[in-house]
Amino acid sequence: MKRLYIVKKNDIILIGTISIIAMIFYIFVFSKEADIVKISIDGIEYGTYSLDKDQIININNSNTLQIIDNTATMIEADCPDQLCIHQASISKNRQNIICLPNKVIAEVISVDETEFDVLVY
């Protein structure tokens, strides 16, 4: 017997509803302007810096991060591939710049974001 798979009206409604919910979640979480940039080296927090203040941050004498106009940009690195320098400036919540050879991560986050990953009752 040959089975025919036909998409029904309810299937389309379900897929559309899930897509709309996913888009709303994405817009709500990732399009917020961030307040601080958190820098970590090899998983250990190096420091947090405000995006409101223009400054240049020297990270472990290997990378240099520049904060101008509420955006963060990696401007110098001593790694061989220089990929972190060619990444775009970051300013939205949860965007990041990663330098793998130096194990440096610069991530912009919102201050009102909670620090909890999981709540157990």
PDB file of N, CA and C in Angstrom:
ATOM      1  N   MET A   1       0.811  -1.178   0.000  1.00  0.00           N
ATOM      2  CA  MET A   1       0.000   0.000   0.000  1.00  0.00           C
ATOM      3  C   MET A   1       0.859   1.248   0.000  1.00  0.00           C
ATOM      4  N   LYS A   2       0.410   2.186  -0.691  1.00  0.00           N
ATOM      5  CA  LYS A   2       1.119   3.451  -0.802  1.00  0.00           C
ATOM      6  C   LYS A   2       0.459   4.469   0.127  1.00  0.00           C
ATOM      7  N   ARG A   3       1.296   5.101   1.007  1.00  0.00           N
ATOM      8  CA  ARG A   3       0.765   6.108   1.919  1.00  0.00           C
ATOM      9  C   ARG A   3       1.017   7.492   1.352  1.00  0.00           C
ATOM     10  N   LEU A   4       0.038   8.307   1.457  1.00  0.00           N
ATOM     11  CA  LEU A   4       0.173   9.699   1.048  1.00  0.00           C
ATOM     12  C   LEU A   4       0.237  10.564   2.301  1.00  0.00           C
ATOM     13  N   TYR A   5       1.269  11.389   2.368  1.00  0.00           N
ATOM     14  CA  TYR A   5       1.397  12.309   3.484  1.00  0.00           C
ATOM     15  C   TYR A   5       0.931  13.675   3.016  1.00  0.00           C
ATOM     16  N   ILE A   6      -0.176  14.076   3.535  1.00  0.00           N
ATOM     17  CA  ILE A   6      -0.756  15.357   3.151  1.00  0.00           C
ATOM     18  C   ILE A   6      -0.721  16.270   4.374  1.00  0.00           C
ATOM     19  N   VAL A   7      -0.254  17.469   4.171  1.00  0.00           N
ATOM     20  CA  VAL A   7      -0.239  18.451   5.240  1.00  0.00           C
ATOM     21  C   VAL A   7      -1.655  18.995   5.390  1.00  0.00           C
ATOM     22  N   LYS A   8      -2.145  18.895   6.605  1.00  0.00           N
ATOM     23  CA  LYS A   8      -3.510  19.334   6.867  1.00  0.00           C
ATOM     24  C   LYS A   8      -3.512  20.753   7.406  1.00  0.00           C
ATOM     25  N   LYS A   9      -4.692  21.329   7.474  1.00  0.00           N
ATOM     26  CA  LYS A   9      -4.858  22.708   7.919  1.00  0.00           C
ATOM     27  C   LYS A   9      -4.342  22.883   9.351  1.00  0.00           C
ATOM     28  N   ASN A  10      -4.627  21.940  10.221  1.00  0.00           N
ATOM     29  CA  ASN A  10      -4.169  22.038  11.610  1.00  0.00           C
ATOM     30  C   ASN A  10      -2.643  21.963  11.715  1.00  0.00           C
ATOM     31  N   ASP A  11      -2.006  21.220  10.834  1.00  0.00           N
ATOM     32  CA  ASP A  11      -0.543  21.155  10.817  1.00  0.00           C
ATOM     33  C   ASP A  11       0.055  22.519  10.484  1.00  0.00           C
ATOM     34  N   ILE A  12      -0.517  23.184   9.516  1.00  0.00           N
ATOM     35  CA  ILE A  12      -0.036  24.510   9.116  1.00  0.00           C
ATOM     36  C   ILE A  12      -0.241  25.512  10.247  1.00  0.00           C
ATOM     37  N   ILE A  13      -1.382  25.444  10.926  1.00  0.00           N
ATOM     38  CA  ILE A  13      -1.652  26.349  12.047  1.00  0.00           C
ATOM     39  C   ILE A  13      -0.651  26.099  13.175  1.00  0.00           C
ATOM     40  N   LEU A  14      -0.374  24.855  13.475  1.00  0.00           N
ATOM     41  CA  LEU A  14       0.582  24.517  14.529  1.00  0.00           C
ATOM     42  C   LEU A  14       1.990  25.007  14.188  1.00  0.00           C
ATOM     43  N   ILE A  15       2.433  24.771  12.987  1.00  0.00           N
ATOM     44  CA  ILE A  15       3.764  25.222  12.558  1.00  0.00           C
ATOM     45  C   ILE A  15       3.847  26.744  12.576  1.00  0.00           C
ATOM     46  N   GLY A  16       2.812  27.412  12.118  1.00  0.00           N
ATOM     47  CA  GLY A  16       2.787  28.875  12.129  1.00  0.00           C
ATOM     48  C   GLY A  16       2.824  29.437  13.537  1.00  0.00           C
ATOM     49  N   THR A  17       2.054  28.847  14.449  1.00  0.00           N
ATOM     50  CA  THR A  17       2.029  29.311  15.833  1.00  0.00           C
ATOM     51  C   THR A  17       3.386  29.134  16.499  1.00  0.00           C
ATOM     52  N   ILE A  18       4.005  27.997  16.312  1.00  0.00           N
ATOM     53  CA  ILE A  18       5.330  27.755  16.893  1.00  0.00           C
ATOM     54  C   ILE A  18       6.361  28.723  16.311  1.00  0.00           C
ATOM     55  N   SER A  19       6.275  29.003  15.030  1.00  0.00           N
ATOM     56  CA  SER A  19       7.208  29.948  14.396  1.00  0.00           C
ATOM     57  C   SER A  19       7.037  31.351  14.956  1.00  0.00           C
ATOM     58  N   ILE A  20       5.803  31.783  15.145  1.00  0.00           N
ATOM     59  CA  ILE A  20       5.546  33.126  15.683  1.00  0.00           C
ATOM     60  C   ILE A  20       6.051  33.232  17.118  1.00  0.00           C
ATOM     61  N   ILE A  21       5.809  32.216  17.931  1.00  0.00           N
ATOM     62  CA  ILE A  21       6.297  32.225  19.313  1.00  0.00           C
ATOM     63  C   ILE A  21       7.824  32.268  19.341  1.00  0.00           C
ATOM     64  N   ALA A  22       8.473  31.511  18.477  1.00  0.00           N
ATOM     65  CA  ALA A  22       9.937  31.511  18.426  1.00  0.00           C
ATOM     66  C   ALA A  22      10.478  32.877  18.013  1.00  0.00           C
ATOM     67  N   MET A  23       9.836  33.533  17.053  1.00  0.00           N
ATOM     68  CA  MET A  23      10.292  34.864  16.621  1.00  0.00           C
ATOM     69  C   MET A  23      10.118  35.886  17.734  1.00  0.00           C
ATOM     70  N   ILE A  24       8.994  35.838  18.449  1.00  0.00           N
ATOM     71  CA  ILE A  24       8.764  36.772  19.552  1.00  0.00           C
ATOM     72  C   ILE A  24       9.811  36.558  20.643  1.00  0.00           C
ATOM     73  N   PHE A  25      10.095  35.315  20.970  1.00  0.00           N
ATOM     74  CA  PHE A  25      11.113  35.008  21.974  1.00  0.00           C
ATOM     75  C   PHE A  25      12.476  35.536  21.539  1.00  0.00           C
ATOM     76  N   TYR A  26      12.829  35.321  20.288  1.00  0.00           N
ATOM     77  CA  TYR A  26      14.120  35.783  19.772  1.00  0.00           C
ATOM     78  C   TYR A  26      14.219  37.305  19.852  1.00  0.00           C
ATOM     79  N   ILE A  27      13.173  37.987  19.427  1.00  0.00           N
ATOM     80  CA  ILE A  27      13.180  39.454  19.452  1.00  0.00           C
ATOM     81  C   ILE A  27      13.269  39.959  20.883  1.00  0.00           C
ATOM     82  N   PHE A  28      12.529  39.347  21.791  1.00  0.00           N
ATOM     83  CA  PHE A  28      12.514  39.789  23.181  1.00  0.00           C
ATOM     84  C   PHE A  28      13.864  39.583  23.859  1.00  0.00           C
ATOM     85  N   VAL A  29      14.499  38.456  23.642  1.00  0.00           N
ATOM     86  CA  VAL A  29      15.734  38.124  24.351  1.00  0.00           C
ATOM     87  C   VAL A  29      16.966  38.749  23.706  1.00  0.00           C
ATOM     88  N   PHE A  30      17.075  38.680  22.397  1.00  0.00           N
ATOM     89  CA  PHE A  30      18.330  39.036  21.746  1.00  0.00           C
ATOM     90  C   PHE A  30      18.392  40.440  21.157  1.00  0.00           C
ATOM     91  N   SER A  31      17.293  41.167  21.131  1.00  0.00           N
ATOM     92  CA  SER A  31      17.371  42.487  20.516  1.00  0.00           C
ATOM     93  C   SER A  31      17.498  43.607  21.541  1.00  0.00           C
ATOM     94  N   LYS A  32      17.551  43.271  22.825  1.00  0.00           N
ATOM     95  CA  LYS A  32      17.718  44.294  23.847  1.00  0.00           C
ATOM     96  C   LYS A  32      19.130  44.867  23.781  1.00  0.00           C
ATOM     97  N   GLU A  33      19.211  46.153  24.050  1.00  0.00           N
ATOM     98  CA  GLU A  33      20.522  46.775  24.151  1.00  0.00           C
ATOM     99  C   GLU A  33      21.188  46.295  25.435  1.00  0.00           C
ATOM    100  N   ALA A  34      22.447  46.014  25.374  1.00  0.00           N
ATOM    101  CA  ALA A  34      23.175  45.530  26.541  1.00  0.00           C
ATOM    102  C   ALA A  34      23.774  46.705  27.306  1.00  0.00           C
ATOM    103  N   ASP A  35      24.135  46.458  28.558  1.00  0.00           N
ATOM    104  CA  ASP A  35      24.660  47.506  29.429  1.00  0.00           C
ATOM    105  C   ASP A  35      26.143  47.343  29.743  1.00  0.00           C
ATOM    106  N   ILE A  36      26.600  46.098  29.817  1.00  0.00           N
ATOM    107  CA  ILE A  36      27.992  45.855  30.202  1.00  0.00           C
ATOM    108  C   ILE A  36      28.612  44.810  29.285  1.00  0.00           C
ATOM    109  N   VAL A  37      29.938  44.816  29.252  1.00  0.00           N
ATOM    110  CA  VAL A  37      30.669  43.762  28.542  1.00  0.00           C
ATOM    111  C   VAL A  37      31.430  42.963  29.598  1.00  0.00           C
ATOM    112  N   LYS A  38      31.247  41.650  29.552  1.00  0.00           N
ATOM    113  CA  LYS A  38      31.912  40.752  30.498  1.00  0.00           C
ATOM    114  C   LYS A  38      33.019  40.030  29.740  1.00  0.00           C
ATOM    115  N   ILE A  39      34.238  40.124  30.248  1.00  0.00           N
ATOM    116  CA  ILE A  39      35.394  39.501  29.606  1.00  0.00           C
ATOM    117  C   ILE A  39      35.852  38.336  30.475  1.00  0.00           C
ATOM    118  N   SER A  40      36.058  37.191  29.837  1.00  0.00           N
ATOM    119  CA  SER A  40      36.583  36.038  30.567  1.00  0.00           C
ATOM    120  C   SER A  40      37.731  35.424  29.774  1.00  0.00           C
ATOM    121  N   ILE A  41      38.687  34.878  30.518  1.00  0.00           N
ATOM    122  CA  ILE A  41      39.846  34.214  29.923  1.00  0.00           C
ATOM    123  C   ILE A  41      39.875  32.786  30.448  1.00  0.00           C
ATOM    124  N   ASP A  42      39.812  31.841  29.545  1.00  0.00           N
ATOM    125  CA  ASP A  42      39.826  30.414  29.879  1.00  0.00           C
ATOM    126  C   ASP A  42      38.744  30.068  30.908  1.00  0.00           C
ATOM    127  N   GLY A  43      37.577  30.688  30.762  1.00  0.00           N
ATOM    128  CA  GLY A  43      36.443  30.413  31.630  1.00  0.00           C
ATOM    129  C   GLY A  43      36.433  31.164  32.945  1.00  0.00           C
ATOM    130  N   ILE A  44      37.471  31.929  33.231  1.00  0.00           N
ATOM    131  CA  ILE A  44      37.555  32.692  34.479  1.00  0.00           C
ATOM    132  C   ILE A  44      37.279  34.156  34.163  1.00  0.00           C
ATOM    133  N   GLU A  45      36.377  34.767  34.940  1.00  0.00           N
ATOM    134  CA  GLU A  45      36.000  36.152  34.670  1.00  0.00           C
ATOM    135  C   GLU A  45      37.189  37.086  34.888  1.00  0.00           C
ATOM    136  N   TYR A  46      37.495  37.870  33.855  1.00  0.00           N
ATOM    137  CA  TYR A  46      38.603  38.827  33.894  1.00  0.00           C
ATOM    138  C   TYR A  46      38.112  40.181  34.392  1.00  0.00           C
ATOM    139  N   GLY A  47      36.900  40.567  33.964  1.00  0.00           N
ATOM    140  CA  GLY A  47      36.344  41.841  34.392  1.00  0.00           C
ATOM    141  C   GLY A  47      35.060  42.170  33.666  1.00  0.00           C
ATOM    142  N   THR A  48      34.322  43.130  34.229  1.00  0.00           N
ATOM    143  CA  THR A  48      33.116  43.644  33.576  1.00  0.00           C
ATOM    144  C   THR A  48      33.276  45.150  33.430  1.00  0.00           C
ATOM    145  N   TYR A  49      32.836  45.654  32.285  1.00  0.00           N
ATOM    146  CA  TYR A  49      33.029  47.062  31.963  1.00  0.00           C
ATOM    147  C   TYR A  49      31.738  47.631  31.388  1.00  0.00           C
ATOM    148  N   SER A  50      31.450  48.870  31.724  1.00  0.00           N
ATOM    149  CA  SER A  50      30.242  49.528  31.245  1.00  0.00           C
ATOM    150  C   SER A  50      30.395  49.916  29.776  1.00  0.00           C
ATOM    151  N   LEU A  51      29.322  49.735  29.025  1.00  0.00           N
ATOM    152  CA  LEU A  51      29.333  50.162  27.623  1.00  0.00           C
ATOM    153  C   LEU A  51      29.074  51.662  27.496  1.00  0.00           C
ATOM    154  N   ASP A  52      28.655  52.300  28.592  1.00  0.00           N
ATOM    155  CA  ASP A  52      28.374  53.736  28.557  1.00  0.00           C
ATOM    156  C   ASP A  52      29.646  54.576  28.527  1.00  0.00           C
ATOM    157  N   LYS A  53      30.739  54.040  29.042  1.00  0.00           N
ATOM    158  CA  LYS A  53      31.997  54.786  29.131  1.00  0.00           C
ATOM    159  C   LYS A  53      32.941  54.341  28.017  1.00  0.00           C
ATOM    160  N   ASP A  54      33.375  55.278  27.181  1.00  0.00           N
ATOM    161  CA  ASP A  54      34.335  54.962  26.120  1.00  0.00           C
ATOM    162  C   ASP A  54      35.697  54.664  26.753  1.00  0.00           C
ATOM    163  N   GLN A  55      36.259  53.509  26.394  1.00  0.00           N
ATOM    164  CA  GLN A  55      37.537  53.108  26.983  1.00  0.00           C
ATOM    165  C   GLN A  55      38.212  52.038  26.133  1.00  0.00           C
ATOM    166  N   ILE A  56      39.490  51.845  26.393  1.00  0.00           N
ATOM    167  CA  ILE A  56      40.268  50.789  25.747  1.00  0.00           C
ATOM    168  C   ILE A  56      40.771  49.869  26.855  1.00  0.00           C
ATOM    169  N   ILE A  57      40.514  48.565  26.702  1.00  0.00           N
ATOM    170  CA  ILE A  57      40.838  47.588  27.732  1.00  0.00           C
ATOM    171  C   ILE A  57      41.911  46.643  27.207  1.00  0.00           C
ATOM    172  N   ASN A  58      43.040  46.589  27.901  1.00  0.00           N
ATOM    173  CA  ASN A  58      44.111  45.659  27.564  1.00  0.00           C
ATOM    174  C   ASN A  58      43.838  44.359  28.312  1.00  0.00           C
ATOM    175  N   ILE A  59      43.678  43.269  27.579  1.00  0.00           N
ATOM    176  CA  ILE A  59      43.314  41.983  28.170  1.00  0.00           C
ATOM    177  C   ILE A  59      44.543  41.079  28.180  1.00  0.00           C
ATOM    178  N   ASN A  60      45.140  40.925  29.343  1.00  0.00           N
ATOM    179  CA  ASN A  60      46.255  39.983  29.539  1.00  0.00           C
ATOM    180  C   ASN A  60      47.415  40.194  28.564  1.00  0.00           C
ATOM    181  N   ASN A  61      47.645  41.386  28.117  1.00  0.00           N
ATOM    182  CA  ASN A  61      48.705  41.707  27.155  1.00  0.00           C
ATOM    183  C   ASN A  61      48.618  40.895  25.868  1.00  0.00           C
ATOM    184  N   SER A  62      47.451  40.344  25.572  1.00  0.00           N
ATOM    185  CA  SER A  62      47.298  39.573  24.336  1.00  0.00           C
ATOM    186  C   SER A  62      46.222  40.160  23.427  1.00  0.00           C
ATOM    187  N   ASN A  63      45.178  40.738  24.003  1.00  0.00           N
ATOM    188  CA  ASN A  63      44.082  41.310  23.224  1.00  0.00           C
ATOM    189  C   ASN A  63      43.772  42.708  23.737  1.00  0.00           C
ATOM    190  N   THR A  64      43.197  43.526  22.862  1.00  0.00           N
ATOM    191  CA  THR A  64      42.758  44.858  23.248  1.00  0.00           C
ATOM    192  C   THR A  64      41.333  45.055  22.766  1.00  0.00           C
ATOM    193  N   LEU A  65      40.443  45.407  23.699  1.00  0.00           N
ATOM    194  CA  LEU A  65      39.035  45.640  23.401  1.00  0.00           C
ATOM    195  C   LEU A  65      38.756  47.128  23.520  1.00  0.00           C
ATOM    196  N   GLN A  66      38.044  47.673  22.545  1.00  0.00           N
ATOM    197  CA  GLN A  66      37.711  49.095  22.536  1.00  0.00           C
ATOM    198  C   GLN A  66      36.205  49.252  22.689  1.00  0.00           C
ATOM    199  N   ILE A  67      35.800  50.127  23.622  1.00  0.00           N
ATOM    200  CA  ILE A  67      34.384  50.438  23.814  1.00  0.00           C
ATOM    201  C   ILE A  67      34.167  51.880  23.394  1.00  0.00           C
ATOM    202  N   ILE A  68      33.353  52.052  22.347  1.00  0.00           N
ATOM    203  CA  ILE A  68      33.005  53.383  21.846  1.00  0.00           C
ATOM    204  C   ILE A  68      31.532  53.370  21.442  1.00  0.00           C
ATOM    205  N   ASP A  69      30.796  54.402  21.824  1.00  0.00           N
ATOM    206  CA  ASP A  69      29.387  54.571  21.441  1.00  0.00           C
ATOM    207  C   ASP A  69      28.547  53.336  21.765  1.00  0.00           C
ATOM    208  N   ASN A  70      28.697  52.803  22.963  1.00  0.00           N
ATOM    209  CA  ASN A  70      27.932  51.638  23.445  1.00  0.00           C
ATOM    210  C   ASN A  70      28.150  50.377  22.623  1.00  0.00           C
ATOM    211  N   THR A  71      29.283  50.263  21.939  1.00  0.00           N
ATOM    212  CA  THR A  71      29.631  49.041  21.215  1.00  0.00           C
ATOM    213  C   THR A  71      31.051  48.630  21.606  1.00  0.00           C
ATOM    214  N   ALA A  72      31.298  47.333  21.571  1.00  0.00           N
ATOM    215  CA  ALA A  72      32.621  46.801  21.893  1.00  0.00           C
ATOM    216  C   ALA A  72      33.216  46.150  20.653  1.00  0.00           C
ATOM    217  N   THR A  73      34.500  46.417  20.412  1.00  0.00           N
ATOM    218  CA  THR A  73      35.205  45.889  19.246  1.00  0.00           C
ATOM    219  C   THR A  73      36.591  45.425  19.672  1.00  0.00           C
ATOM    220  N   MET A  74      36.994  44.263  19.197  1.00  0.00           N
ATOM    221  CA  MET A  74      38.358  43.787  19.442  1.00  0.00           C
ATOM    222  C   MET A  74      39.247  44.471  18.402  1.00  0.00           C
ATOM    223  N   ILE A  75      40.213  45.267  18.862  1.00  0.00           N
ATOM    224  CA  ILE A  75      41.034  46.028  17.912  1.00  0.00           C
ATOM    225  C   ILE A  75      42.443  45.469  17.757  1.00  0.00           C
ATOM    226  N   GLU A  76      42.919  44.693  18.739  1.00  0.00           N
ATOM    227  CA  GLU A  76      44.251  44.093  18.632  1.00  0.00           C
ATOM    228  C   GLU A  76      44.239  42.703  19.242  1.00  0.00           C
ATOM    229  N   ALA A  77      45.039  41.822  18.649  1.00  0.00           N
ATOM    230  CA  ALA A  77      45.225  40.479  19.202  1.00  0.00           C
ATOM    231  C   ALA A  77      46.542  39.929  18.684  1.00  0.00           C
ATOM    232  N   ASP A  78      47.211  39.137  19.516  1.00  0.00           N
ATOM    233  CA  ASP A  78      48.481  38.566  19.073  1.00  0.00           C
ATOM    234  C   ASP A  78      48.329  37.130  18.567  1.00  0.00           C
ATOM    235  N   CYS A  79      47.094  36.714  18.325  1.00  0.00           N
ATOM    236  CA  CYS A  79      46.860  35.363  17.799  1.00  0.00           C
ATOM    237  C   CYS A  79      47.180  35.325  16.302  1.00  0.00           C
ATOM    238  N   PRO A  80      47.519  34.155  15.765  1.00  0.00           N
ATOM    239  CA  PRO A  80      47.937  34.071  14.364  1.00  0.00           C
ATOM    240  C   PRO A  80      46.818  34.292  13.343  1.00  0.00           C
ATOM    241  N   ASP A  81      45.584  33.903  13.664  1.00  0.00           N
ATOM    242  CA  ASP A  81      44.523  33.992  12.650  1.00  0.00           C
ATOM    243  C   ASP A  81      43.810  35.341  12.612  1.00  0.00           C
ATOM    244  N   GLN A  82      43.824  36.102  13.701  1.00  0.00           N
ATOM    245  CA  GLN A  82      43.228  37.443  13.771  1.00  0.00           C
ATOM    246  C   GLN A  82      41.717  37.454  13.481  1.00  0.00           C
ATOM    247  N   LEU A  83      41.049  36.332  13.687  1.00  0.00           N
ATOM    248  CA  LEU A  83      39.608  36.272  13.413  1.00  0.00           C
ATOM    249  C   LEU A  83      38.802  37.154  14.358  1.00  0.00           C
ATOM    250  N   CYS A  84      39.239  37.283  15.600  1.00  0.00           N
ATOM    251  CA  CYS A  84      38.485  38.090  16.559  1.00  0.00           C
ATOM    252  C   CYS A  84      38.470  39.568  16.174  1.00  0.00           C
ATOM    253  N   ILE A  85      39.508  40.024  15.507  1.00  0.00           N
ATOM    254  CA  ILE A  85      39.569  41.421  15.074  1.00  0.00           C
ATOM    255  C   ILE A  85      38.591  41.678  13.934  1.00  0.00           C
ATOM    256  N   HIS A  86      38.358  40.676  13.108  1.00  0.00           N
ATOM    257  CA  HIS A  86      37.480  40.840  11.952  1.00  0.00           C
ATOM    258  C   HIS A  86      36.006  40.616  12.281  1.00  0.00           C
ATOM    259  N   GLN A  87      35.685  40.253  13.525  1.00  0.00           N
ATOM    260  CA  GLN A  87      34.287  40.114  13.912  1.00  0.00           C
ATOM    261  C   GLN A  87      33.663  41.491  14.065  1.00  0.00           C
ATOM    262  N   ALA A  88      32.369  41.562  13.864  1.00  0.00           N
ATOM    263  CA  ALA A  88      31.649  42.834  13.943  1.00  0.00           C
ATOM    264  C   ALA A  88      31.608  43.343  15.388  1.00  0.00           C
ATOM    265  N   SER A  89      31.362  44.636  15.528  1.00  0.00           N
ATOM    266  CA  SER A  89      31.183  45.220  16.854  1.00  0.00           C
ATOM    267  C   SER A  89      29.938  44.630  17.500  1.00  0.00           C
ATOM    268  N   ILE A  90      29.962  44.531  18.821  1.00  0.00           N
ATOM    269  CA  ILE A  90      28.836  43.935  19.531  1.00  0.00           C
ATOM    270  C   ILE A  90      28.187  44.961  20.456  1.00  0.00           C
ATOM    271  N   SER A  91      26.854  44.955  20.500  1.00  0.00           N
ATOM    272  CA  SER A  91      26.130  45.870  21.380  1.00  0.00           C
ATOM    273  C   SER A  91      24.808  45.291  21.866  1.00  0.00           C
ATOM    274  N   LYS A  92      24.310  44.258  21.241  1.00  0.00           N
ATOM    275  CA  LYS A  92      23.031  43.650  21.618  1.00  0.00           C
ATOM    276  C   LYS A  92      23.259  42.556  22.656  1.00  0.00           C
ATOM    277  N   ASN A  93      22.217  42.287  23.430  1.00  0.00           N
ATOM    278  CA  ASN A  93      22.286  41.295  24.495  1.00  0.00           C
ATOM    279  C   ASN A  93      22.735  39.930  23.974  1.00  0.00           C
ATOM    280  N   ARG A  94      23.720  39.352  24.660  1.00  0.00           N
ATOM    281  CA  ARG A  94      24.257  38.009  24.392  1.00  0.00           C
ATOM    282  C   ARG A  94      25.101  37.891  23.127  1.00  0.00           C
ATOM    283  N   GLN A  95      25.470  38.982  22.498  1.00  0.00           N
ATOM    284  CA  GLN A  95      26.429  38.902  21.400  1.00  0.00           C
ATOM    285  C   GLN A  95      27.821  38.736  22.013  1.00  0.00           C
ATOM    286  N   ASN A  96      28.733  38.127  21.264  1.00  0.00           N
ATOM    287  CA  ASN A  96      30.067  37.943  21.821  1.00  0.00           C
ATOM    288  C   ASN A  96      31.137  37.970  20.741  1.00  0.00           C
ATOM    289  N   ILE A  97      32.360  38.209  21.198  1.00  0.00           N
ATOM    290  CA  ILE A  97      33.561  38.112  20.372  1.00  0.00           C
ATOM    291  C   ILE A  97      34.444  37.074  21.050  1.00  0.00           C
ATOM    292  N   ILE A  98      34.917  36.111  20.276  1.00  0.00           N
ATOM    293  CA  ILE A  98      35.698  35.016  20.838  1.00  0.00           C
ATOM    294  C   ILE A  98      37.055  34.940  20.144  1.00  0.00           C
ATOM    295  N   CYS A  99      38.114  34.871  20.935  1.00  0.00           N
ATOM    296  CA  CYS A  99      39.469  34.646  20.433  1.00  0.00           C
ATOM    297  C   CYS A  99      39.903  33.278  20.948  1.00  0.00           C
ATOM    298  N   LEU A 100      39.802  32.267  20.110  1.00  0.00           N
ATOM    299  CA  LEU A 100      40.097  30.895  20.540  1.00  0.00           C
ATOM    300  C   LEU A 100      41.554  30.670  20.940  1.00  0.00           C
ATOM    301  N   PRO A 101      42.541  31.141  20.165  1.00  0.00           N
ATOM    302  CA  PRO A 101      43.932  30.868  20.565  1.00  0.00           C
ATOM    303  C   PRO A 101      44.289  31.440  21.940  1.00  0.00           C
ATOM    304  N   ASN A 102      43.742  32.612  22.275  1.00  0.00           N
ATOM    305  CA  ASN A 102      44.029  33.234  23.569  1.00  0.00           C
ATOM    306  C   ASN A 102      42.979  32.907  24.629  1.00  0.00           C
ATOM    307  N   LYS A 103      41.940  32.156  24.257  1.00  0.00           N
ATOM    308  CA  LYS A 103      40.854  31.747  25.159  1.00  0.00           C
ATOM    309  C   LYS A 103      40.151  32.941  25.790  1.00  0.00           C
ATOM    310  N   VAL A 104      39.945  34.005  25.001  1.00  0.00           N
ATOM    311  CA  VAL A 104      39.298  35.222  25.471  1.00  0.00           C
ATOM    312  C   VAL A 104      37.885  35.286  24.909  1.00  0.00           C
ATOM    313  N   ILE A 105      36.920  35.575  25.789  1.00  0.00           N
ATOM    314  CA  ILE A 105      35.533  35.771  25.374  1.00  0.00           C
ATOM    315  C   ILE A 105      35.074  37.116  25.910  1.00  0.00           C
ATOM    316  N   ALA A 106      34.572  37.962  25.021  1.00  0.00           N
ATOM    317  CA  ALA A 106      33.958  39.229  25.406  1.00  0.00           C
ATOM    318  C   ALA A 106      32.484  39.136  25.037  1.00  0.00           C
ATOM    319  N   GLU A 107      31.613  39.233  26.039  1.00  0.00           N
ATOM    320  CA  GLU A 107      30.177  39.080  25.819  1.00  0.00           C
ATOM    321  C   GLU A 107      29.455  40.279  26.408  1.00  0.00           C
ATOM    322  N   VAL A 108      28.555  40.871  25.631  1.00  0.00           N
ATOM    323  CA  VAL A 108      27.754  41.972  26.146  1.00  0.00           C
ATOM    324  C   VAL A 108      26.464  41.402  26.725  1.00  0.00           C
ATOM    325  N   ILE A 109      26.110  41.883  27.908  1.00  0.00           N
ATOM    326  CA  ILE A 109      24.907  41.403  28.581  1.00  0.00           C
ATOM    327  C   ILE A 109      24.148  42.571  29.190  1.00  0.00           C
ATOM    328  N   SER A 110      22.896  42.336  29.455  1.00  0.00           N
ATOM    329  CA  SER A 110      22.030  43.329  30.066  1.00  0.00           C
ATOM    330  C   SER A 110      22.132  43.212  31.580  1.00  0.00           C
ATOM    331  N   VAL A 111      22.106  44.335  32.275  1.00  0.00           N
ATOM    332  CA  VAL A 111      22.244  44.330  33.728  1.00  0.00           C
ATOM    333  C   VAL A 111      21.050  43.651  34.389  1.00  0.00           C
ATOM    334  N   ASP A 112      19.858  43.815  33.842  1.00  0.00           N
ATOM    335  CA  ASP A 112      18.668  43.249  34.471  1.00  0.00           C
ATOM    336  C   ASP A 112      18.544  41.744  34.266  1.00  0.00           C
ATOM    337  N   GLU A 113      19.486  41.157  33.562  1.00  0.00           N
ATOM    338  CA  GLU A 113      19.452  39.720  33.316  1.00  0.00           C
ATOM    339  C   GLU A 113      19.858  38.978  34.581  1.00  0.00           C
ATOM    340  N   THR A 114      19.156  37.934  34.888  1.00  0.00           N
ATOM    341  CA  THR A 114      19.450  37.169  36.091  1.00  0.00           C
ATOM    342  C   THR A 114      20.704  36.323  35.905  1.00  0.00           C
ATOM    343  N   GLU A 115      21.371  36.026  36.997  1.00  0.00           N
ATOM    344  CA  GLU A 115      22.588  35.221  36.951  1.00  0.00           C
ATOM    345  C   GLU A 115      22.304  33.730  37.082  1.00  0.00           C
ATOM    346  N   PHE A 116      21.046  33.361  37.334  1.00  0.00           N
ATOM    347  CA  PHE A 116      20.713  31.960  37.551  1.00  0.00           C
ATOM    348  C   PHE A 116      20.554  31.229  36.232  1.00  0.00           C
ATOM    349  N   ASP A 117      21.151  30.056  36.137  1.00  0.00           N
ATOM    350  CA  ASP A 117      20.960  29.199  34.976  1.00  0.00           C
ATOM    351  C   ASP A 117      19.770  28.276  35.185  1.00  0.00           C
ATOM    352  N   VAL A 118      19.651  27.726  36.411  1.00  0.00           N
ATOM    353  CA  VAL A 118      18.589  26.771  36.722  1.00  0.00           C
ATOM    354  C   VAL A 118      18.093  27.045  38.133  1.00  0.00           C
ATOM    355  N   LEU A 119      16.793  26.988  38.326  1.00  0.00           N
ATOM    356  CA  LEU A 119      16.204  27.075  39.655  1.00  0.00           C
ATOM    357  C   LEU A 119      15.619  25.721  40.003  1.00  0.00           C
ATOM    358  N   VAL A 120      15.964  25.212  41.181  1.00  0.00           N
ATOM    359  CA  VAL A 120      15.449  23.923  41.627  1.00  0.00           C
ATOM    360  C   VAL A 120      14.671  24.153  42.915  1.00  0.00           C
ATOM    361  N   TYR A 121      13.461  23.631  42.972  1.00  0.00           N
ATOM    362  CA  TYR A 121      12.627  23.785  44.172  1.00  0.00           C
ATOM    363  C   TYR A 121      12.513  22.478  44.896  1.00  0.00           C
TER     364      TYR A 121
END
